[in-house]
PDB file of N, CA and C in Angstrom:
ATOM      1  N   PHE A   1       4.457 -12.847  -4.239  1.00  0.00           N
ATOM      2  CA  PHE A   1       4.251 -11.463  -4.602  1.00  0.00           C
ATOM      3  C   PHE A   1       3.243 -10.826  -3.737  1.00  0.00           C
ATOM      4  N   SER A   2       3.641  -9.846  -3.048  1.00  0.00           N
ATOM      5  CA  SER A   2       2.881  -9.295  -1.917  1.00  0.00           C
ATOM      6  C   SER A   2       1.600  -8.616  -2.329  1.00  0.00           C
ATOM      7  N   GLY A   3       0.545  -8.904  -1.600  1.00  0.00           N
ATOM      8  CA  GLY A   3      -0.709  -8.200  -1.650  1.00  0.00           C
ATOM      9  C   GLY A   3      -0.812  -7.227  -0.492  1.00  0.00           C
ATOM     10  N   MET A   4      -1.958  -6.623  -0.371  1.00  0.00           N
ATOM     11  CA  MET A   4      -2.132  -5.602   0.709  1.00  0.00           C
ATOM     12  C   MET A   4      -2.028  -6.209   2.064  1.00  0.00           C
ATOM     13  N   THR A   5      -2.673  -7.285   2.337  1.00  0.00           N
ATOM     14  CA  THR A   5      -2.725  -7.840   3.692  1.00  0.00           C
ATOM     15  C   THR A   5      -1.363  -8.273   4.133  1.00  0.00           C
ATOM     16  N   SER A   6      -0.624  -8.951   3.268  1.00  0.00           N
ATOM     17  CA  SER A   6       0.694  -9.435   3.643  1.00  0.00           C
ATOM     18  C   SER A   6       1.747  -8.341   3.655  1.00  0.00           C
ATOM     19  N   LEU A   7       1.396  -7.142   3.242  1.00  0.00           N
ATOM     20  CA  LEU A   7       2.326  -5.988   3.246  1.00  0.00           C
ATOM     21  C   LEU A   7       2.220  -5.195   4.515  1.00  0.00           C
ATOM     22  N   ILE A   8       1.058  -5.160   5.141  1.00  0.00           N
ATOM     23  CA  ILE A   8       0.862  -4.278   6.317  1.00  0.00           C
ATOM     24  C   ILE A   8       1.750  -4.695   7.499  1.00  0.00           C
ATOM     25  N   ASP A   9       1.841  -5.957   7.805  1.00  0.00           N
ATOM     26  CA  ASP A   9       2.696  -6.379   8.905  1.00  0.00           C
ATOM     27  C   ASP A   9       4.127  -5.947   8.786  1.00  0.00           C
ATOM     28  N   PRO A  10       4.780  -6.216   7.612  1.00  0.00           N
ATOM     29  CA  PRO A  10       6.169  -5.704   7.485  1.00  0.00           C
ATOM     30  C   PRO A  10       6.259  -4.204   7.596  1.00  0.00           C
ATOM     31  N   LEU A  11       5.299  -3.474   7.059  1.00  0.00           N
ATOM     32  CA  LEU A  11       5.347  -2.030   7.130  1.00  0.00           C
ATOM     33  C   LEU A  11       5.240  -1.533   8.563  1.00  0.00           C
ATOM     34  N   GLN A  12       4.442  -2.252   9.366  1.00  0.00           N
ATOM     35  CA  GLN A  12       4.285  -1.835  10.762  1.00  0.00           C
ATOM     36  C   GLN A  12       5.539  -2.033  11.603  1.00  0.00           C
ATOM     37  N   ILE A  13       6.444  -2.902  11.122  1.00  0.00           N
ATOM     38  CA  ILE A  13       7.724  -3.016  11.822  1.00  0.00           C
ATOM     39  C   ILE A  13       8.869  -2.406  10.987  1.00  0.00           C
ATOM     40  N   CYS A  14       8.473  -1.584  10.065  1.00  0.00           N
ATOM     41  CA  CYS A  14       9.411  -0.770   9.210  1.00  0.00           C
ATOM     42  C   CYS A  14      10.328  -1.671   8.389  1.00  0.00           C
ATOM     43  N   LEU A  15       9.826  -2.750   7.882  1.00  0.00           N
ATOM     44  CA  LEU A  15      10.602  -3.648   7.064  1.00  0.00           C
ATOM     45  C   LEU A  15      10.317  -3.341   5.608  1.00  0.00           C
ATOM     46  N   PRO A  16      11.338  -2.864   4.857  1.00  0.00           N
ATOM     47  CA  PRO A  16      11.119  -2.581   3.441  1.00  0.00           C
ATOM     48  C   PRO A  16      10.682  -3.843   2.696  1.00  0.00           C
ATOM     49  N   THR A  17       9.677  -3.703   1.880  1.00  0.00           N
ATOM     50  CA  THR A  17       9.162  -4.859   1.187  1.00  0.00           C
ATOM     51  C   THR A  17       8.961  -4.498  -0.317  1.00  0.00           C
ATOM     52  N   VAL A  18       9.275  -5.446  -1.164  1.00  0.00           N
ATOM     53  CA  VAL A  18       9.118  -5.226  -2.601  1.00  0.00           C
ATOM     54  C   VAL A  18       7.794  -5.900  -3.031  1.00  0.00           C
ATOM     55  N   VAL A  19       7.065  -5.293  -3.900  1.00  0.00           N
ATOM     56  CA  VAL A  19       5.862  -5.874  -4.461  1.00  0.00           C
ATOM     57  C   VAL A  19       5.973  -5.883  -6.014  1.00  0.00           C
ATOM     58  N   MET A  20       5.259  -6.834  -6.592  1.00  0.00           N
ATOM     59  CA  MET A  20       5.213  -6.854  -8.054  1.00  0.00           C
ATOM     60  C   MET A  20       3.757  -6.610  -8.468  1.00  0.00           C
ATOM     61  N   GLN A  21       3.576  -5.532  -9.189  1.00  0.00           N
ATOM     62  CA  GLN A  21       2.212  -5.220  -9.637  1.00  0.00           C
ATOM     63  C   GLN A  21       1.945  -5.939 -10.948  1.00  0.00           C
ATOM     64  N   LYS A  22       0.888  -6.686 -10.953  1.00  0.00           N
ATOM     65  CA  LYS A  22       0.416  -7.359 -12.150  1.00  0.00           C
ATOM     66  C   LYS A  22      -1.053  -6.945 -12.361  1.00  0.00           C
ATOM     67  N   GLU A  23      -1.825  -7.813 -12.972  1.00  0.00           N
ATOM     68  CA  GLU A  23      -3.201  -7.477 -13.262  1.00  0.00           C
ATOM     69  C   GLU A  23      -4.154  -7.773 -12.103  1.00  0.00           C
ATOM     70  N   SER A  24      -3.752  -8.554 -11.147  1.00  0.00           N
ATOM     71  CA  SER A  24      -4.654  -8.945 -10.057  1.00  0.00           C
ATOM     72  C   SER A  24      -4.916  -7.760  -9.142  1.00  0.00           C
ATOM     73  N   ALA A  25      -6.096  -7.764  -8.578  1.00  0.00           N
ATOM     74  CA  ALA A  25      -6.458  -6.728  -7.598  1.00  0.00           C
ATOM     75  C   ALA A  25      -5.546  -6.774  -6.399  1.00  0.00           C
ATOM     76  N   ARG A  26      -5.152  -8.002  -5.992  1.00  0.00           N
ATOM     77  CA  ARG A  26      -4.273  -8.193  -4.853  1.00  0.00           C
ATOM     78  C   ARG A  26      -2.960  -7.469  -5.035  1.00  0.00           C
ATOM     79  N   SER A  27      -2.328  -7.658  -6.178  1.00  0.00           N
ATOM     80  CA  SER A  27      -1.052  -7.038  -6.417  1.00  0.00           C
ATOM     81  C   SER A  27      -1.183  -5.515  -6.590  1.00  0.00           C
ATOM     82  N   ARG A  28      -2.270  -5.108  -7.139  1.00  0.00           N
ATOM     83  CA  ARG A  28      -2.519  -3.630  -7.312  1.00  0.00           C
ATOM     84  C   ARG A  28      -2.709  -2.967  -5.942  1.00  0.00           C
ATOM     85  N   ARG A  29      -3.372  -3.630  -4.997  1.00  0.00           N
ATOM     86  CA  ARG A  29      -3.584  -3.060  -3.647  1.00  0.00           C
ATOM     87  C   ARG A  29      -2.254  -2.886  -2.958  1.00  0.00           C
ATOM     88  N   GLY A  30      -1.396  -3.904  -3.026  1.00  0.00           N
ATOM     89  CA  GLY A  30      -0.075  -3.841  -2.396  1.00  0.00           C
ATOM     90  C   GLY A  30       0.729  -2.703  -2.994  1.00  0.00           C
ATOM     91  N   ALA A  31       0.691  -2.553  -4.330  1.00  0.00           N
ATOM     92  CA  ALA A  31       1.383  -1.472  -4.996  1.00  0.00           C
ATOM     93  C   ALA A  31       0.810  -0.108  -4.567  1.00  0.00           C
ATOM     94  N   SER A  32      -0.468  -0.044  -4.413  1.00  0.00           N
ATOM     95  CA  SER A  32      -1.105   1.245  -4.007  1.00  0.00           C
ATOM     96  C   SER A  32      -0.645   1.664  -2.628  1.00  0.00           C
ATOM     97  N   LEU A  33      -0.405   0.725  -1.728  1.00  0.00           N
ATOM     98  CA  LEU A  33       0.100   1.072  -0.408  1.00  0.00           C
ATOM     99  C   LEU A  33       1.473   1.733  -0.512  1.00  0.00           C
ATOM    100  N   LEU A  34       2.337   1.138  -1.350  1.00  0.00           N
ATOM    101  CA  LEU A  34       3.681   1.727  -1.470  1.00  0.00           C
ATOM    102  C   LEU A  34       3.624   3.096  -2.171  1.00  0.00           C
ATOM    103  N   ARG A  35       2.688   3.262  -3.106  1.00  0.00           N
ATOM    104  CA  ARG A  35       2.544   4.607  -3.709  1.00  0.00           C
ATOM    105  C   ARG A  35       2.045   5.601  -2.698  1.00  0.00           C
ATOM    106  N   TYR A  36       1.120   5.182  -1.861  1.00  0.00           N
ATOM    107  CA  TYR A  36       0.603   6.067  -0.798  1.00  0.00           C
ATOM    108  C   TYR A  36       1.729   6.507   0.110  1.00  0.00           C
ATOM    109  N   LEU A  37       2.663   5.607   0.407  1.00  0.00           N
ATOM    110  CA  LEU A  37       3.806   5.896   1.243  1.00  0.00           C
ATOM    111  C   LEU A  37       4.933   6.600   0.501  1.00  0.00           C
ATOM    112  N   GLU A  38       4.657   6.869  -0.787  1.00  0.00           N
ATOM    113  CA  GLU A  38       5.587   7.578  -1.637  1.00  0.00           C
ATOM    114  C   GLU A  38       6.933   6.787  -1.844  1.00  0.00           C
ATOM    115  N   MET A  39       6.744   5.471  -2.126  1.00  0.00           N
ATOM    116  CA  MET A  39       7.867   4.582  -2.391  1.00  0.00           C
ATOM    117  C   MET A  39       7.598   3.732  -3.606  1.00  0.00           C
ATOM    118  N   PRO A  40       7.252   4.353  -4.727  1.00  0.00           N
ATOM    119  CA  PRO A  40       6.940   3.596  -5.921  1.00  0.00           C
ATOM    120  C   PRO A  40       8.130   2.810  -6.488  1.00  0.00           C
ATOM    121  N   GLU A  41       9.340   3.181  -6.069  1.00  0.00           N
ATOM    122  CA  GLU A  41      10.525   2.485  -6.565  1.00  0.00           C
ATOM    123  C   GLU A  41      10.641   1.082  -6.020  1.00  0.00           C
ATOM    124  N   LEU A  42       9.812   0.708  -5.054  1.00  0.00           N
ATOM    125  CA  LEU A  42       9.806  -0.663  -4.501  1.00  0.00           C
ATOM    126  C   LEU A  42       8.766  -1.513  -5.195  1.00  0.00           C
ATOM    127  N   ILE A  43       8.170  -0.949  -6.267  1.00  0.00           N
ATOM    128  CA  ILE A  43       7.157  -1.736  -7.029  1.00  0.00           C
ATOM    129  C   ILE A  43       7.779  -2.225  -8.328  1.00  0.00           C
ATOM    130  N   ALA A  44       7.808  -3.500  -8.495  1.00  0.00           N
ATOM    131  CA  ALA A  44       8.347  -4.107  -9.702  1.00  0.00           C
ATOM    132  C   ALA A  44       7.222  -4.391 -10.678  1.00  0.00           C
ATOM    133  N   ASP A  45       7.517  -4.359 -11.954  1.00  0.00           N
ATOM    134  CA  ASP A  45       6.478  -4.682 -12.958  1.00  0.00           C
ATOM    135  C   ASP A  45       6.751  -5.998 -13.644  1.00  0.00           C
ATOM    136  N   ASN A  46       7.821  -6.646 -13.304  1.00  0.00           N
ATOM    137  CA  ASN A  46       8.118  -8.011 -13.857  1.00  0.00           C
ATOM    138  C   ASN A  46       9.013  -8.785 -12.884  1.00  0.00           C
ATOM    139  N   GLU A  47       9.124 -10.038 -13.123  1.00  0.00           N
ATOM    140  CA  GLU A  47       9.817 -10.924 -12.199  1.00  0.00           C
ATOM    141  C   GLU A  47      11.325 -10.564 -12.038  1.00  0.00           C
ATOM    142  N   ASP A  48      11.964 -10.199 -13.137  1.00  0.00           N
ATOM    143  CA  ASP A  48      13.381  -9.881 -13.086  1.00  0.00           C
ATOM    144  C   ASP A  48      13.610  -8.632 -12.169  1.00  0.00           C
ATOM    145  N   SER A  49      12.797  -7.584 -12.381  1.00  0.00           N
ATOM    146  CA  SER A  49      12.990  -6.402 -11.532  1.00  0.00           C
ATOM    147  C   SER A  49      12.588  -6.670 -10.068  1.00  0.00           C
ATOM    148  N   TYR A  50      11.618  -7.546  -9.843  1.00  0.00           N
ATOM    149  CA  TYR A  50      11.252  -7.960  -8.514  1.00  0.00           C
ATOM    150  C   TYR A  50      12.413  -8.598  -7.793  1.00  0.00           C
ATOM    151  N   ILE A  51      13.042  -9.540  -8.467  1.00  0.00           N
ATOM    152  CA  ILE A  51      14.178 -10.249  -7.872  1.00  0.00           C
ATOM    153  C   ILE A  51      15.325  -9.296  -7.639  1.00  0.00           C
ATOM    154  N   GLN A  52      15.600  -8.406  -8.610  1.00  0.00           N
ATOM    155  CA  GLN A  52      16.721  -7.480  -8.428  1.00  0.00           C
ATOM    156  C   GLN A  52      16.477  -6.530  -7.269  1.00  0.00           C
ATOM    157  N   LEU A  53      15.250  -6.010  -7.148  1.00  0.00           N
ATOM    158  CA  LEU A  53      14.963  -5.135  -6.029  1.00  0.00           C
ATOM    159  C   LEU A  53      15.160  -5.855  -4.678  1.00  0.00           C
ATOM    160  N   ALA A  54      14.653  -7.073  -4.652  1.00  0.00           N
ATOM    161  CA  ALA A  54      14.757  -7.851  -3.392  1.00  0.00           C
ATOM    162  C   ALA A  54      16.209  -8.161  -3.035  1.00  0.00           C
ATOM    163  N   VAL A  55      16.969  -8.506  -4.022  1.00  0.00           N
ATOM    164  CA  VAL A  55      18.416  -8.820  -3.823  1.00  0.00           C
ATOM    165  C   VAL A  55      19.127  -7.563  -3.374  1.00  0.00           C
ATOM    166  N   ASN A  56      18.832  -6.425  -4.014  1.00  0.00           N
ATOM    167  CA  ASN A  56      19.457  -5.173  -3.597  1.00  0.00           C
ATOM    168  C   ASN A  56      19.163  -4.818  -2.132  1.00  0.00           C
ATOM    169  N   LEU A  57      17.891  -4.975  -1.746  1.00  0.00           N
ATOM    170  CA  LEU A  57      17.573  -4.691  -0.344  1.00  0.00           C
ATOM    171  C   LEU A  57      18.192  -5.695   0.621  1.00  0.00           C
ATOM    172  N   GLY A  58      18.303  -6.925   0.178  1.00  0.00           N
ATOM    173  CA  GLY A  58      18.905  -7.939   1.037  1.00  0.00           C
ATOM    174  C   GLY A  58      20.369  -7.776   1.213  1.00  0.00           C
ATOM    175  N   ASN A  59      21.053  -7.276   0.210  1.00  0.00           N
ATOM    176  CA  ASN A  59      22.528  -7.140   0.258  1.00  0.00           C
ATOM    177  C   ASN A  59      23.018  -5.795   0.736  1.00  0.00           C
ATOM    178  N   ASP A  60      22.203  -4.780   0.685  1.00  0.00           N
ATOM    179  CA  ASP A  60      22.644  -3.416   0.999  1.00  0.00           C
ATOM    180  C   ASP A  60      22.023  -2.904   2.301  1.00  0.00           C
ATOM    181  N   SER A  61      22.743  -3.052   3.416  1.00  0.00           N
ATOM    182  CA  SER A  61      22.157  -2.683   4.719  1.00  0.00           C
ATOM    183  C   SER A  61      21.913  -1.151   4.791  1.00  0.00           C
ATOM    184  N   ASP A  62      22.719  -0.347   4.113  1.00  0.00           N
ATOM    185  CA  ASP A  62      22.493   1.112   4.109  1.00  0.00           C
ATOM    186  C   ASP A  62      21.172   1.423   3.410  1.00  0.00           C
ATOM    187  N   LEU A  63      20.928   0.770   2.280  1.00  0.00           N
ATOM    188  CA  LEU A  63      19.694   0.965   1.587  1.00  0.00           C
ATOM    189  C   LEU A  63      18.481   0.537   2.404  1.00  0.00           C
ATOM    190  N   ARG A  64      18.604  -0.579   3.092  1.00  0.00           N
ATOM    191  CA  ARG A  64      17.511  -1.029   4.011  1.00  0.00           C
ATOM    192  C   ARG A  64      17.247   0.023   5.055  1.00  0.00           C
ATOM    193  N   THR A  65      18.353   0.575   5.648  1.00  0.00           N
ATOM    194  CA  THR A  65      18.178   1.570   6.717  1.00  0.00           C
ATOM    195  C   THR A  65      17.505   2.821   6.174  1.00  0.00           C
ATOM    196  N   VAL A  66      17.817   3.214   4.964  1.00  0.00           N
ATOM    197  CA  VAL A  66      17.147   4.421   4.381  1.00  0.00           C
ATOM    198  C   VAL A  66      15.691   4.142   4.279  1.00  0.00           C
ATOM    199  N   TYR A  67      15.293   2.973   3.746  1.00  0.00           N
ATOM    200  CA  TYR A  67      13.863   2.649   3.647  1.00  0.00           C
ATOM    201  C   TYR A  67      13.185   2.461   4.974  1.00  0.00           C
ATOM    202  N   GLN A  68      13.898   1.832   5.930  1.00  0.00           N
ATOM    203  CA  GLN A  68      13.317   1.678   7.256  1.00  0.00           C
ATOM    204  C   GLN A  68      12.992   3.035   7.902  1.00  0.00           C
ATOM    205  N   ASP A  69      13.888   3.988   7.718  1.00  0.00           N
ATOM    206  CA  ASP A  69      13.646   5.338   8.255  1.00  0.00           C
ATOM    207  C   ASP A  69      12.478   5.982   7.568  1.00  0.00           C
ATOM    208  N   ARG A  70      12.416   5.887   6.269  1.00  0.00           N
ATOM    209  CA  ARG A  70      11.270   6.473   5.513  1.00  0.00           C
ATOM    210  C   ARG A  70       9.970   5.832   5.899  1.00  0.00           C
ATOM    211  N   ILE A  71       9.935   4.528   6.014  1.00  0.00           N
ATOM    212  CA  ILE A  71       8.732   3.825   6.385  1.00  0.00           C
ATOM    213  C   ILE A  71       8.306   4.230   7.794  1.00  0.00           C
ATOM    214  N   GLU A  72       9.249   4.298   8.693  1.00  0.00           N
ATOM    215  CA  GLU A  72       8.924   4.677  10.081  1.00  0.00           C
ATOM    216  C   GLU A  72       8.252   6.040  10.112  1.00  0.00           C
ATOM    217  N   LYS A  73       8.787   7.003   9.392  1.00  0.00           N
ATOM    218  CA  LYS A  73       8.212   8.369   9.376  1.00  0.00           C
ATOM    219  C   LYS A  73       6.791   8.341   8.820  1.00  0.00           C
ATOM    220  N   LYS A  74       6.611   7.582   7.734  1.00  0.00           N
ATOM    221  CA  LYS A  74       5.281   7.542   7.115  1.00  0.00           C
ATOM    222  C   LYS A  74       4.268   6.825   7.999  1.00  0.00           C
ATOM    223  N   MET A  75       4.689   5.735   8.620  1.00  0.00           N
ATOM    224  CA  MET A  75       3.770   4.954   9.445  1.00  0.00           C
ATOM    225  C   MET A  75       3.398   5.705  10.734  1.00  0.00           C
ATOM    226  N   GLN A  76       4.301   6.517  11.272  1.00  0.00           N
ATOM    227  CA  GLN A  76       3.978   7.285  12.458  1.00  0.00           C
ATOM    228  C   GLN A  76       2.883   8.333  12.198  1.00  0.00           C
ATOM    229  N   GLY A  77       2.722   8.711  10.973  1.00  0.00           N
ATOM    230  CA  GLY A  77       1.689   9.678  10.600  1.00  0.00           C
ATOM    231  C   GLY A  77       0.309   9.095  10.492  1.00  0.00           C
ATOM    232  N   ASN A  78       0.092   7.886  11.006  1.00  0.00           N
ATOM    233  CA  ASN A  78      -1.236   7.217  10.944  1.00  0.00           C
ATOM    234  C   ASN A  78      -1.790   7.254   9.536  1.00  0.00           C
ATOM    235  N   PRO A  79      -1.196   6.446   8.623  1.00  0.00           N
ATOM    236  CA  PRO A  79      -1.683   6.450   7.247  1.00  0.00           C
ATOM    237  C   PRO A  79      -3.149   6.090   7.151  1.00  0.00           C
ATOM    238  N   GLN A  80      -3.827   6.632   6.190  1.00  0.00           N
ATOM    239  CA  GLN A  80      -5.286   6.429   6.063  1.00  0.00           C
ATOM    240  C   GLN A  80      -5.632   4.980   5.924  1.00  0.00           C
ATOM    241  N   PHE A  81      -4.772   4.160   5.307  1.00  0.00           N
ATOM    242  CA  PHE A  81      -5.116   2.767   5.178  1.00  0.00           C
ATOM    243  C   PHE A  81      -5.139   1.995   6.513  1.00  0.00           C
ATOM    244  N   LEU A  82      -4.651   2.589   7.570  1.00  0.00           N
ATOM    245  CA  LEU A  82      -4.733   1.988   8.896  1.00  0.00           C
ATOM    246  C   LEU A  82      -5.731   2.731   9.783  1.00  0.00           C
ATOM    247  N   ASP A  83      -6.301   3.780   9.321  1.00  0.00           N
ATOM    248  CA  ASP A  83      -7.203   4.622  10.116  1.00  0.00           C
ATOM    249  C   ASP A  83      -8.657   4.168   9.943  1.00  0.00           C
ATOM    250  N   SER A  84      -9.155   3.355  10.820  1.00  0.00           N
ATOM    251  CA  SER A  84     -10.485   2.782  10.667  1.00  0.00           C
ATOM    252  C   SER A  84     -11.562   3.852  10.790  1.00  0.00           C
ATOM    253  N   ARG A  85     -11.358   4.853  11.571  1.00  0.00           N
ATOM    254  CA  ARG A  85     -12.363   5.951  11.652  1.00  0.00           C
ATOM    255  C   ARG A  85     -12.482   6.710  10.349  1.00  0.00           C
ATOM    256  N   TYR A  86     -11.341   7.011   9.728  1.00  0.00           N
ATOM    257  CA  TYR A  86     -11.353   7.668   8.432  1.00  0.00           C
ATOM    258  C   TYR A  86     -12.045   6.777   7.407  1.00  0.00           C
ATOM    259  N   TYR A  87     -11.675   5.533   7.344  1.00  0.00           N
ATOM    260  CA  TYR A  87     -12.216   4.579   6.380  1.00  0.00           C
ATOM    261  C   TYR A  87     -13.738   4.487   6.556  1.00  0.00           C
ATOM    262  N   SER A  88     -14.212   4.312   7.806  1.00  0.00           N
ATOM    263  CA  SER A  88     -15.614   4.121   8.030  1.00  0.00           C
ATOM    264  C   SER A  88     -16.376   5.423   7.666  1.00  0.00           C
ATOM    265  N   SER A  89     -15.814   6.574   7.937  1.00  0.00           N
ATOM    266  CA  SER A  89     -16.502   7.819   7.563  1.00  0.00           C
ATOM    267  C   SER A  89     -16.622   7.946   6.057  1.00  0.00           C
ATOM    268  N   GLN A  90     -15.575   7.563   5.352  1.00  0.00           N
ATOM    269  CA  GLN A  90     -15.595   7.595   3.855  1.00  0.00           C
ATOM    270  C   GLN A  90     -16.599   6.583   3.317  1.00  0.00           C
ATOM    271  N   MET A  91     -16.657   5.403   3.908  1.00  0.00           N
ATOM    272  CA  MET A  91     -17.650   4.393   3.450  1.00  0.00           C
ATOM    273  C   MET A  91     -19.053   4.869   3.736  1.00  0.00           C
ATOM    274  N   GLY A  92     -19.281   5.437   4.930  1.00  0.00           N
ATOM    275  CA  GLY A  92     -20.601   5.955   5.271  1.00  0.00           C
ATOM    276  C   GLY A  92     -21.026   7.040   4.283  1.00  0.00           C
ATOM    277  N   ALA A  93     -20.112   7.944   3.953  1.00  0.00           N
ATOM    278  CA  ALA A  93     -20.451   9.025   3.011  1.00  0.00           C
ATOM    279  C   ALA A  93     -20.787   8.416   1.637  1.00  0.00           C
ATOM    280  N   LEU A  94     -20.071   7.403   1.215  1.00  0.00           N
ATOM    281  CA  LEU A  94     -20.318   6.780  -0.060  1.00  0.00           C
ATOM    282  C   LEU A  94     -21.692   6.099  -0.066  1.00  0.00           C
ATOM    283  N   PHE A  95     -22.023   5.369   0.995  1.00  0.00           N
ATOM    284  CA  PHE A  95     -23.351   4.730   1.081  1.00  0.00           C
ATOM    285  C   PHE A  95     -24.461   5.765   1.062  1.00  0.00           C
ATOM    286  N   GLN A  96     -24.308   6.875   1.760  1.00  0.00           N
ATOM    287  CA  GLN A  96     -25.324   7.897   1.725  1.00  0.00           C
ATOM    288  C   GLN A  96     -25.474   8.482   0.329  1.00  0.00           C
ATOM    289  N   LYS A  97     -24.340   8.720  -0.334  1.00  0.00           N
ATOM    290  CA  LYS A  97     -24.432   9.289  -1.685  1.00  0.00           C
ATOM    291  C   LYS A  97     -25.147   8.294  -2.660  1.00  0.00           C
ATOM    292  N   VAL A  98     -24.782   7.036  -2.601  1.00  0.00           N
ATOM    293  CA  VAL A  98     -25.405   6.012  -3.463  1.00  0.00           C
ATOM    294  C   VAL A  98     -26.914   5.942  -3.171  1.00  0.00           C
ATOM    295  N   PHE A  99     -27.285   5.961  -1.901  1.00  0.00           N
ATOM    296  CA  PHE A  99     -28.707   5.890  -1.532  1.00  0.00           C
ATOM    297  C   PHE A  99     -29.443   7.127  -2.024  1.00  0.00           C
ATOM    298  N   GLN A 100     -28.884   8.302  -1.850  1.00  0.00           N
ATOM    299  CA  GLN A 100     -29.513   9.510  -2.342  1.00  0.00           C
ATOM    300  C   GLN A 100     -29.729   9.504  -3.848  1.00  0.00           C
ATOM    301  N   GLU A 101     -28.693   9.006  -4.549  1.00  0.00           N
ATOM    302  CA  GLU A 101     -28.810   8.902  -6.013  1.00  0.00           C
ATOM    303  C   GLU A 101     -29.910   7.912  -6.398  1.00  0.00           C
ATOM    304  N   TYR A 102     -30.026   6.835  -5.617  1.00  0.00           N
ATOM    305  CA  TYR A 102     -31.093   5.841  -5.866  1.00  0.00           C
ATOM    306  C   TYR A 102     -32.442   6.504  -5.643  1.00  0.00           C
ATOM    307  N   LEU A 103     -32.605   7.280  -4.613  1.00  0.00           N
ATOM    308  CA  LEU A 103     -33.877   7.934  -4.314  1.00  0.00           C
ATOM    309  C   LEU A 103     -34.324   8.881  -5.415  1.00  0.00           C
ATOM    310  N   VAL A 104     -33.393   9.598  -6.035  1.00  0.00           N
ATOM    311  CA  VAL A 104     -33.773  10.546  -7.053  1.00  0.00           C
ATOM    312  C   VAL A 104     -33.825   9.937  -8.460  1.00  0.00           C
ATOM    313  N   SER A 105     -33.397   8.669  -8.588  1.00  0.00           N
ATOM    314  CA  SER A 105     -33.471   8.021  -9.880  1.00  0.00           C
ATOM    315  C   SER A 105     -34.865   7.527 -10.167  1.00  0.00           C
ATOM    316  N   ASP A 106     -35.064   7.064 -11.372  1.00  0.00           N
ATOM    317  CA  ASP A 106     -36.382   6.529 -11.771  1.00  0.00           C
ATOM    318  C   ASP A 106     -36.613   5.078 -11.257  1.00  0.00           C
ATOM    319  N   ASN A 107     -35.654   4.513 -10.524  1.00  0.00           N
ATOM    320  CA  ASN A 107     -35.701   3.182 -10.008  1.00  0.00           C
ATOM    321  C   ASN A 107     -35.904   2.180 -11.137  1.00  0.00           C
TER     322      ASN A 107
END
């Protein structure tokens, strides 16, 4: 069941991938990537739906092509989860905010 790290490589080659969201942070991160790409229908919430989604993608070449095209368009737009400059600027802003809040607190 795919987590974030194992999902990025298939997405970069436009390979539709199914994830199963459970309680683990790993499965939630993988699901969040698909939500960001506006493909929540590839997120299963149980093993039966996970298997069914995977079988459907494996057996239906037209469906795979539809998802490959959608993934390609989304990935060409430099998604934020691959944009290290965006990520580092957001982290820097967060650290500054936390530090400023610490300075004005009673410690």
